[in-house]
Amino acid sequence: MSRTMRAAVCVEAGGPEVLRIRELPLPEVRDGWSLVRVEGAGLNRSELRTRQGHSPGVSFPRVLGIECVGTVADSTDPRLPAGTTVAAVMGEMGRRFDGGYAQYALLPDALLMPVTTTLPWEILAALPETYLTARGSLDALGVAPGGGGRLLIRGGTSSVGLAAVRIAAAQGVETAATTRSQEKAGALKAAGADHVLLDDAGPLTDTVRALWPDGPDHVLDLVGTRTVPDSLRTVRRGGTVCVAGSLSGWLLPDFEPIATIPTGTRLTAFHSDTLEGSAGQGLLQRIVDEVEAGVYRPDLDRVFALDDIVAAHRRMEADEATGKTVVLPWADATGT
């Protein structure tokens, strides 16, 4: 094994151009940590915000990437023999320590989720953060197989939104999903959405109530702070709104719970760090098994080589992606 590796290093806060390909020393294994050969890493908007300098406590230079899949290259943990296929999400990856934008990553043993799969790396890499978030959010809403009900997904053409549409459709839930772009409506229909609604950044209540006079039973809000008050007005009285995205930011200014949350309506949230490591391993394996069985398939937007990381971030920042963007650290540059 070479004693060096290639990585995309965020050298400072800024635009996509601050991501530079560097040759770095191969990390040395130590107690409690394993060296993973990274075969694929899904891109996430939280990495975009970290790159821009909006993640407190993150110092540069830093290898970004809050998730990855690959194989164990070396470990002091006998439960993680070399060659084991693993996935990892969150746990301060790409923030407190280097993450998945590299050919190798030194990761805490407790963060690794062994999985058994025959899926190609680009498909497996599209699953962990996106599908754990989608499934966890639907569980937080109380959306269950055979449970019926009406579900509104705001931010439907995000990778998590499309995943949630596919899971809900497979469970027989009547689903409406929003998009800001009419050109992306077809992707939502293909994923299984029963209704596609154009979201022009204004109130959505009247549009949704024209479809469902009493409102949806559940709202999965992936847009976040800008739309939460409107989602609370839109959901049926006694329904549930789950905030699981921050496409419009982190904070809800001047939030008055008594005035904003209708009586009997529930507001909750989901964060994928609740499914780190062993907490999410069984669920991720179930997701992988369902994809292999054809229950649903992930929406893969585009696959980039590590050398094309700047182009990948530009595409993500311009909101051009429909579905999950994946980087393969060992692939040849495509020039896209």
Protein backbone atom coordinates (compact mmCIF):
# COMPACT_ATOMS: atom_id res chain seq x y z
CA MET A 1 0.00 0.00 0.00
CA SER A 2 1.28 3.45 -0.89
CA ARG A 3 2.06 5.71 2.05
CA THR A 4 0.30 8.64 0.40
CA MET A 5 -3.20 9.28 -0.89
CA ARG A 6 -5.05 11.85 -2.97
CA ALA A 7 -7.66 14.04 -1.31
CA ALA A 8 -9.78 17.11 -2.05
CA VAL A 9 -8.74 19.60 0.62
CA CYS A 10 -10.77 22.67 1.51
CA VAL A 11 -7.89 25.08 2.07
CA GLU A 12 -10.01 28.00 3.31
CA ALA A 13 -13.60 29.23 3.40
CA GLY A 14 -14.85 30.34 0.00
CA GLY A 15 -16.25 29.25 -3.34
CA PRO A 16 -15.82 25.87 -5.03
CA GLU A 17 -12.32 26.82 -6.15
CA VAL A 18 -11.00 26.51 -2.55
CA LEU A 19 -11.24 22.72 -2.96
CA ARG A 20 -7.75 21.63 -4.05
CA ILE A 21 -6.47 18.16 -4.92
CA ARG A 22 -3.52 17.34 -2.68
CA GLU A 23 -1.22 14.37 -2.08
CA LEU A 24 -1.41 13.67 1.67
CA PRO A 25 0.29 11.16 3.97
CA LEU A 26 -1.76 8.03 4.52
CA PRO A 27 -3.31 8.26 8.02
CA GLU A 28 -1.93 5.84 10.59
CA VAL A 29 -4.34 3.49 12.37
CA ARG A 30 -4.67 3.96 16.12
CA ASP A 31 -6.81 2.42 18.86
CA GLY A 32 -10.48 3.06 18.31
CA TRP A 33 -10.01 4.12 14.66
CA SER A 34 -9.92 2.23 11.36
CA LEU A 35 -8.49 3.13 7.97
CA VAL A 36 -11.14 2.90 5.25
CA ARG A 37 -10.42 2.77 1.53
CA VAL A 38 -13.11 5.16 0.30
CA GLU A 39 -14.86 3.86 -2.81
CA GLY A 40 -17.62 6.48 -2.92
CA ALA A 41 -18.81 9.59 -1.12
CA GLY A 42 -22.19 11.25 -1.46
CA LEU A 43 -22.19 15.05 -1.60
CA ASN A 44 -24.37 17.03 0.82
CA ARG A 45 -25.36 20.66 1.15
CA SER A 46 -23.97 20.74 4.68
CA GLU A 47 -20.53 20.33 3.09
CA LEU A 48 -21.27 23.29 0.85
CA ARG A 49 -22.04 25.41 3.92
CA THR A 50 -18.91 24.17 5.69
CA ARG A 51 -16.87 25.10 2.62
CA GLN A 52 -18.45 28.57 2.67
CA GLY A 53 -17.39 29.02 6.29
CA HIS A 54 -20.78 28.59 7.97
CA SER A 55 -19.90 25.64 10.24
CA PRO A 56 -18.71 26.96 13.61
CA GLY A 57 -15.66 25.23 15.00
CA VAL A 58 -14.40 23.90 11.66
CA SER A 59 -10.79 24.87 10.95
CA PHE A 60 -9.07 24.77 7.58
CA PRO A 61 -7.44 23.04 5.82
CA ARG A 62 -9.96 20.21 6.09
CA VAL A 63 -10.98 17.21 3.96
CA LEU A 64 -14.76 17.57 3.78
CA GLY A 65 -17.34 14.80 3.49
CA ILE A 66 -19.89 13.74 6.10
CA GLU A 67 -20.41 10.28 4.60
CA CYS A 68 -18.62 7.59 2.65
CA VAL A 69 -18.67 3.91 1.72
CA GLY A 70 -15.74 1.61 1.12
CA THR A 71 -13.75 -1.24 2.60
CA VAL A 72 -11.68 -1.55 5.75
CA ALA A 73 -8.00 -1.32 4.82
CA ASP A 74 -6.58 -1.65 8.33
CA SER A 75 -8.01 -1.79 11.84
CA THR A 76 -7.08 -2.75 15.38
CA ASP A 77 -10.70 -3.85 15.96
CA PRO A 78 -11.14 -7.62 15.36
CA ARG A 79 -14.80 -6.97 14.53
CA LEU A 80 -13.66 -4.99 11.48
CA PRO A 81 -11.32 -7.26 9.49
CA ALA A 82 -9.66 -5.94 6.36
CA GLY A 83 -11.95 -6.12 3.34
CA THR A 84 -15.20 -5.53 5.28
CA THR A 85 -17.60 -3.33 3.35
CA VAL A 86 -18.63 -0.38 5.51
CA ALA A 87 -20.52 2.89 5.44
CA ALA A 88 -20.13 5.89 7.72
CA VAL A 89 -22.19 9.03 8.25
CA MET A 90 -21.91 12.12 10.43
CA GLY A 91 -20.05 11.84 13.75
CA GLU A 92 -18.10 15.05 12.93
CA MET A 93 -16.70 13.59 9.69
CA GLY A 94 -15.35 16.40 7.55
CA ARG A 95 -15.63 18.82 10.44
CA ARG A 96 -13.66 17.81 13.53
CA PHE A 97 -11.61 15.28 11.53
CA ASP A 98 -11.09 14.60 7.83
CA GLY A 99 -13.98 13.05 5.93
CA GLY A 100 -14.86 11.24 2.74
CA TYR A 101 -13.42 13.45 -0.04
CA ALA A 102 -10.29 11.29 -0.19
CA GLN A 103 -8.99 7.90 -1.27
CA TYR A 104 -8.67 6.87 2.38
CA ALA A 105 -10.29 8.09 5.60
CA LEU A 106 -9.32 7.39 9.19
CA LEU A 107 -12.63 6.98 10.98
CA PRO A 108 -13.80 6.05 14.51
CA ASP A 109 -14.68 2.36 14.81
CA ALA A 110 -17.97 3.31 16.46
CA LEU A 111 -18.99 5.20 13.32
CA LEU A 112 -18.56 2.29 10.90
CA MET A 113 -21.59 0.31 9.73
CA PRO A 114 -20.69 -3.04 8.12
CA VAL A 115 -23.04 -3.88 5.25
CA THR A 116 -23.49 -6.87 3.01
CA THR A 117 -24.23 -5.91 -0.57
CA THR A 118 -23.63 -6.53 -4.26
CA LEU A 119 -24.56 -2.98 -5.28
CA PRO A 120 -22.04 -1.01 -7.36
CA TRP A 121 -20.16 1.63 -5.39
CA GLU A 122 -21.90 4.62 -6.93
CA ILE A 123 -25.31 3.25 -5.95
CA LEU A 124 -24.23 2.26 -2.45
CA ALA A 125 -22.64 5.71 -1.98
CA ALA A 126 -25.98 7.35 -2.79
CA LEU A 127 -27.75 5.63 0.12
CA PRO A 128 -26.38 6.26 3.63
CA GLU A 129 -27.02 9.91 4.53
CA THR A 130 -29.88 10.40 2.08
CA TYR A 131 -31.92 7.28 2.77
CA LEU A 132 -31.26 7.18 6.51
CA THR A 133 -32.51 10.78 6.68
CA ALA A 134 -35.54 10.07 4.51
CA ARG A 135 -36.51 6.92 6.40
CA GLY A 136 -35.83 8.49 9.80
CA SER A 137 -37.91 11.55 8.91
CA LEU A 138 -40.86 9.45 7.76
CA ASP A 139 -40.63 7.44 10.99
CA ALA A 140 -40.65 10.70 12.98
CA LEU A 141 -43.81 11.71 11.12
CA GLY A 142 -45.48 8.38 11.84
CA VAL A 143 -45.64 7.40 8.16
CA ALA A 144 -45.72 3.61 8.12
CA PRO A 145 -46.41 0.82 5.61
CA GLY A 146 -50.14 0.30 5.29
CA GLY A 147 -50.82 3.35 7.43
CA GLY A 148 -52.31 5.38 4.58
CA GLY A 149 -52.65 9.12 4.99
CA ARG A 150 -51.60 12.10 2.90
CA LEU A 151 -47.99 13.30 2.83
CA LEU A 152 -46.65 16.62 1.56
CA ILE A 153 -42.90 16.80 0.87
CA ARG A 154 -41.48 20.31 0.51
CA GLY A 155 -38.18 20.33 -1.35
CA GLY A 156 -39.11 17.21 -3.26
CA THR A 157 -36.32 17.27 -5.84
CA SER A 158 -33.56 17.33 -3.24
CA SER A 159 -31.86 13.96 -2.83
CA VAL A 160 -33.65 13.36 0.49
CA GLY A 161 -36.95 14.52 -1.01
CA LEU A 162 -36.75 12.07 -3.89
CA ALA A 163 -35.77 9.29 -1.52
CA ALA A 164 -38.75 10.08 0.72
CA VAL A 165 -41.07 10.08 -2.32
CA ARG A 166 -39.82 6.64 -3.35
CA ILE A 167 -40.15 5.19 0.15
CA ALA A 168 -43.63 6.65 0.66
CA ALA A 169 -44.79 5.46 -2.75
CA ALA A 170 -43.56 1.94 -1.95
CA GLN A 171 -45.61 2.10 1.27
CA GLY A 172 -48.78 3.13 -0.56
CA VAL A 173 -48.95 6.66 0.92
CA GLU A 174 -50.65 9.35 -1.16
CA THR A 175 -47.89 11.86 -1.72
CA ALA A 176 -47.61 15.42 -3.02
CA ALA A 177 -44.15 16.89 -3.56
CA THR A 178 -43.00 20.39 -4.39
CA THR A 179 -40.40 21.74 -6.78
CA ARG A 180 -39.34 25.25 -7.75
CA SER A 181 -38.65 24.11 -11.31
CA GLN A 182 -41.32 22.82 -13.68
CA GLU A 183 -38.52 21.03 -15.54
CA LYS A 184 -38.00 18.78 -12.52
CA ALA A 185 -41.65 17.74 -12.20
CA GLY A 186 -41.02 14.64 -14.29
CA ALA A 187 -38.43 13.39 -11.82
CA LEU A 188 -40.98 13.56 -8.99
CA LYS A 189 -43.57 11.71 -11.03
CA ALA A 190 -41.01 9.07 -11.97
CA ALA A 191 -40.15 8.64 -8.29
CA GLY A 192 -43.80 7.92 -7.51
CA ALA A 193 -45.32 11.25 -6.41
CA ASP A 194 -49.08 11.31 -6.94
CA HIS A 195 -49.15 15.10 -7.18
CA VAL A 196 -46.47 17.63 -8.13
CA LEU A 197 -46.86 21.19 -6.88
CA LEU A 198 -44.88 24.20 -8.07
CA ASP A 199 -43.42 26.11 -5.14
CA ASP A 200 -42.73 29.73 -6.09
CA ALA A 201 -41.48 30.61 -2.58
CA GLY A 202 -44.86 32.01 -1.61
CA PRO A 203 -47.50 30.51 0.71
CA LEU A 204 -48.52 27.01 -0.34
CA THR A 205 -51.57 26.59 1.88
CA ASP A 206 -54.21 27.48 -0.73
CA THR A 207 -52.63 25.26 -3.37
CA VAL A 208 -52.48 22.27 -1.04
CA ARG A 209 -55.97 22.83 0.37
CA ALA A 210 -57.34 22.85 -3.18
CA LEU A 211 -55.97 19.31 -3.44
CA TRP A 212 -56.74 18.21 0.12
CA PRO A 213 -59.39 20.48 1.73
CA ASP A 214 -58.48 19.38 5.26
CA GLY A 215 -54.76 19.52 4.54
CA PRO A 216 -52.15 16.73 4.53
CA ASP A 217 -51.75 14.49 7.54
CA HIS A 218 -47.97 14.84 7.41
CA VAL A 219 -45.56 17.46 6.07
CA LEU A 220 -41.89 16.67 5.56
CA ASP A 221 -40.25 20.08 5.28
CA LEU A 222 -36.83 19.89 3.67
CA VAL A 223 -36.75 23.56 2.72
CA GLY A 224 -36.54 24.51 6.37
CA THR A 225 -36.81 27.75 8.24
CA ARG A 226 -38.35 29.86 5.47
CA THR A 227 -41.30 27.51 4.96
CA VAL A 228 -41.91 26.06 8.44
CA PRO A 229 -44.60 28.60 9.45
CA ASP A 230 -46.46 27.98 6.18
CA SER A 231 -46.14 24.20 6.63
CA LEU A 232 -47.73 24.53 10.07
CA ARG A 233 -50.64 26.45 8.53
CA THR A 234 -50.96 23.89 5.72
CA VAL A 235 -51.00 20.61 7.66
CA ARG A 236 -54.38 19.43 8.92
CA ARG A 237 -55.25 20.29 12.50
CA GLY A 238 -53.68 17.57 14.62
CA GLY A 239 -51.22 16.59 11.88
CA THR A 240 -47.44 16.59 12.10
CA VAL A 241 -44.70 18.67 10.51
CA CYS A 242 -41.16 17.29 10.52
CA VAL A 243 -38.26 19.60 9.70
CA ALA A 244 -35.35 17.59 8.31
CA GLY A 245 -33.68 20.02 5.91
CA SER A 246 -32.11 23.43 5.94
CA LEU A 247 -32.07 24.48 2.29
CA SER A 248 -33.21 27.95 3.43
CA GLY A 249 -31.00 28.18 6.52
CA TRP A 250 -30.75 26.99 10.12
CA LEU A 251 -32.60 29.55 12.24
CA LEU A 252 -36.24 30.59 12.48
CA PRO A 253 -36.21 34.23 13.61
CA ASP A 254 -38.88 35.61 15.94
CA PHE A 255 -40.48 32.19 16.36
CA GLU A 256 -43.55 32.31 18.62
CA PRO A 257 -44.70 28.72 19.28
CA ILE A 258 -48.14 29.57 20.66
CA ALA A 259 -48.93 31.85 17.73
CA THR A 260 -47.31 29.70 15.05
CA ILE A 261 -48.22 26.11 15.98
CA PRO A 262 -51.99 25.44 15.69
CA THR A 263 -53.54 23.75 18.69
CA GLY A 264 -53.07 19.98 18.53
CA THR A 265 -50.61 20.14 15.64
CA ARG A 266 -47.20 18.62 16.20
CA LEU A 267 -43.83 20.04 15.15
CA THR A 268 -40.84 17.72 15.24
CA ALA A 269 -37.45 17.33 13.59
CA PHE A 270 -35.03 14.67 12.43
CA HIS A 271 -31.24 14.78 12.35
CA SER A 272 -29.23 11.92 10.89
CA ASP A 273 -26.76 11.89 13.77
CA THR A 274 -29.37 9.85 15.64
CA LEU A 275 -28.58 6.98 13.25
CA GLU A 276 -24.80 7.00 13.47
CA GLY A 277 -22.88 3.74 13.73
CA SER A 278 -24.67 0.80 15.33
CA ALA A 279 -27.85 2.86 15.76
CA GLY A 280 -28.30 2.97 11.99
CA GLN A 281 -26.61 -0.23 10.85
CA GLY A 282 -29.72 -2.43 10.82
CA LEU A 283 -31.80 0.22 9.05
CA LEU A 284 -29.11 0.84 6.43
CA GLN A 285 -28.85 -2.89 5.74
CA ARG A 286 -32.63 -3.01 5.29
CA ILE A 287 -32.46 -0.08 2.86
CA VAL A 288 -29.67 -1.81 0.91
CA ASP A 289 -31.68 -5.04 0.79
CA GLU A 290 -34.77 -3.17 -0.45
CA VAL A 291 -32.77 -1.48 -3.21
CA GLU A 292 -31.27 -4.80 -4.26
CA ALA A 293 -34.77 -6.33 -4.31
CA GLY A 294 -36.08 -3.52 -6.53
CA VAL A 295 -38.52 -2.13 -3.96
CA TYR A 296 -37.19 1.29 -4.97
CA ARG A 297 -34.06 2.68 -6.54
CA PRO A 298 -31.97 5.70 -5.58
CA ASP A 299 -32.05 8.79 -7.79
CA LEU A 300 -28.45 9.28 -8.87
CA ASP A 301 -27.90 12.70 -10.41
CA ARG A 302 -24.29 12.51 -11.56
CA VAL A 303 -21.06 10.71 -10.68
CA PHE A 304 -17.82 12.72 -10.48
CA ALA A 305 -14.18 11.78 -10.09
CA LEU A 306 -12.22 13.35 -7.25
CA ASP A 307 -10.43 15.60 -9.74
CA ASP A 308 -13.82 17.03 -10.69
CA ILE A 309 -14.82 18.00 -7.14
CA VAL A 310 -14.93 21.71 -8.01
CA ALA A 311 -17.41 21.05 -10.83
CA ALA A 312 -19.46 18.85 -8.50
CA HIS A 313 -19.70 21.63 -5.91
CA ARG A 314 -20.58 24.20 -8.57
CA ARG A 315 -23.43 21.98 -9.73
CA MET A 316 -24.66 21.53 -6.16
CA GLU A 317 -24.38 25.24 -5.36
CA ALA A 318 -26.32 26.18 -8.51
CA ASP A 319 -29.16 23.80 -7.52
CA GLU A 320 -28.74 21.97 -10.83
CA ALA A 321 -28.78 18.47 -9.35
CA THR A 322 -31.89 16.30 -9.26
CA GLY A 323 -31.10 13.51 -6.85
CA LYS A 324 -27.78 12.47 -5.32
CA THR A 325 -24.36 13.56 -6.51
CA VAL A 326 -21.58 11.06 -5.84
CA VAL A 327 -17.79 11.28 -5.98
CA LEU A 328 -15.65 8.19 -6.69
CA PRO A 329 -12.14 8.92 -5.35
CA TRP A 330 -10.43 6.25 -7.47
CA ALA A 331 -12.15 7.09 -10.76
CA ASP A 332 -10.43 8.88 -13.64
CA ALA A 333 -11.33 12.53 -14.16
CA THR A 334 -14.22 13.02 -16.57
CA GLY A 335 -13.73 16.70 -17.32
CA THR A 336 -17.41 17.41 -16.62
